[in-house]
Amino acid sequence: NVLKLRINTVLKLTINTVFKLTINTVLKLTINTVLKLTINTVLKLTINTVLKLTINIVLKLRINTVLKLRINIVLKLTINTVLKLTINTELTLF
């Protein structure tokens, strides 16, 4: 009787621990992979959109300022050269 009890408890314990461990690891793995995948995709998507948005805004701002500066410089230069040229030609004509 004592032997039966011992064997029974040992068996129950080992089966229980093995079961718990396997279920635990399988669950952890699946949950982990699913979580990683979903978190990854969600993160990628949100980061992507946020990044796109911020990059877009930053880019728009930068491009805008750069463009304004460039256009400004180009305009100043062209206006300057055109003015100089026209003034020059007009002066020579007279």
Protein backbone atom coordinates (compact mmCIF):
# COMPACT_ATOMS: atom_id res chain seq x y z
CA ASN A 1 0.00 0.00 0.00
CA VAL A 2 2.75 2.41 0.93
CA LEU A 3 4.60 1.47 -2.25
CA LYS A 4 1.49 2.05 -4.33
CA LEU A 5 1.05 5.45 -2.75
CA ARG A 6 4.66 6.37 -3.31
CA ILE A 7 4.67 5.20 -6.91
CA ASN A 8 1.37 6.94 -7.47
CA THR A 9 2.52 10.24 -6.01
CA VAL A 10 5.86 10.09 -7.82
CA LEU A 11 4.09 9.27 -11.07
CA LYS A 12 1.53 11.98 -10.55
CA LEU A 13 4.21 14.50 -9.68
CA THR A 14 6.42 13.64 -12.65
CA ILE A 15 3.51 13.56 -15.07
CA ASN A 16 2.25 16.79 -13.60
CA THR A 17 5.60 18.56 -13.81
CA VAL A 18 6.31 17.25 -17.31
CA PHE A 19 2.85 18.28 -18.40
CA LYS A 20 3.13 21.66 -16.77
CA LEU A 21 6.58 22.22 -18.21
CA THR A 22 5.64 21.19 -21.74
CA ILE A 23 2.40 23.14 -21.69
CA ASN A 24 4.24 26.06 -20.17
CA THR A 25 7.04 26.03 -22.73
CA VAL A 26 4.69 25.45 -25.66
CA LEU A 27 2.37 28.16 -24.40
CA LYS A 28 5.24 30.52 -23.71
CA LEU A 29 6.71 29.85 -27.12
CA THR A 30 3.45 30.24 -29.00
CA ILE A 31 2.37 33.25 -26.97
CA ASN A 32 5.85 34.66 -27.35
CA THR A 33 5.97 34.17 -31.10
CA VAL A 34 2.41 35.36 -31.61
CA LEU A 35 3.02 38.31 -29.32
CA LYS A 36 6.35 39.07 -30.96
CA LEU A 37 4.78 38.82 -34.38
CA THR A 38 1.75 40.92 -33.54
CA ILE A 39 3.74 43.41 -31.49
CA ASN A 40 6.31 43.45 -34.24
CA THR A 41 3.79 44.08 -36.98
CA VAL A 42 1.82 46.56 -34.91
CA LEU A 43 5.02 48.26 -33.83
CA LYS A 44 6.37 48.23 -37.37
CA LEU A 45 3.12 49.63 -38.65
CA THR A 46 2.80 52.30 -35.98
CA ILE A 47 6.50 53.12 -36.01
CA ASN A 48 6.35 53.16 -39.77
CA THR A 49 3.38 55.49 -39.88
CA VAL A 50 4.72 57.65 -37.07
CA LEU A 51 8.12 57.68 -38.71
CA LYS A 52 6.59 58.44 -42.09
CA LEU A 53 4.57 61.21 -40.53
CA THR A 54 7.48 62.67 -38.59
CA ILE A 55 9.88 62.21 -41.47
CA ASN A 56 7.26 63.72 -43.70
CA ILE A 57 6.79 66.70 -41.43
CA VAL A 58 10.51 67.07 -40.83
CA LEU A 59 11.20 66.60 -44.51
CA LYS A 60 8.47 69.03 -45.47
CA LEU A 61 9.82 71.53 -43.00
CA ARG A 62 13.42 71.00 -44.05
CA ILE A 63 12.60 70.93 -47.72
CA ASN A 64 10.44 73.94 -47.22
CA THR A 65 13.12 75.94 -45.48
CA VAL A 66 15.82 74.68 -47.82
CA LEU A 67 13.60 75.38 -50.79
CA LYS A 68 12.74 78.81 -49.48
CA LEU A 69 16.40 79.49 -48.91
CA ARG A 70 17.42 78.10 -52.28
CA ILE A 71 14.63 79.83 -54.11
CA ASN A 72 15.46 82.97 -52.24
CA ILE A 73 19.12 82.78 -53.13
CA VAL A 74 18.38 81.79 -56.72
CA LEU A 75 15.80 84.54 -57.01
CA LYS A 76 18.15 87.07 -55.49
CA LEU A 77 20.90 85.94 -57.80
CA THR A 78 18.74 85.93 -60.92
CA ILE A 79 17.09 89.20 -60.04
CA ASN A 80 20.49 90.60 -59.28
CA THR A 81 22.04 89.39 -62.52
CA VAL A 82 19.00 90.36 -64.57
CA LEU A 83 18.99 93.77 -62.97
CA LYS A 84 22.71 94.18 -63.48
CA LEU A 85 22.41 92.99 -67.06
CA THR A 86 19.45 95.19 -67.86
CA ILE A 87 20.99 98.16 -66.15
CA ASN A 88 24.21 97.43 -67.93
CA THR A 89 22.61 97.10 -71.35
CA GLU A 90 20.42 100.10 -70.80
CA LEU A 91 23.43 102.11 -69.77
CA THR A 92 25.36 101.09 -72.85
CA LEU A 93 22.39 101.89 -75.05
CA PHE A 94 22.23 105.43 -73.76
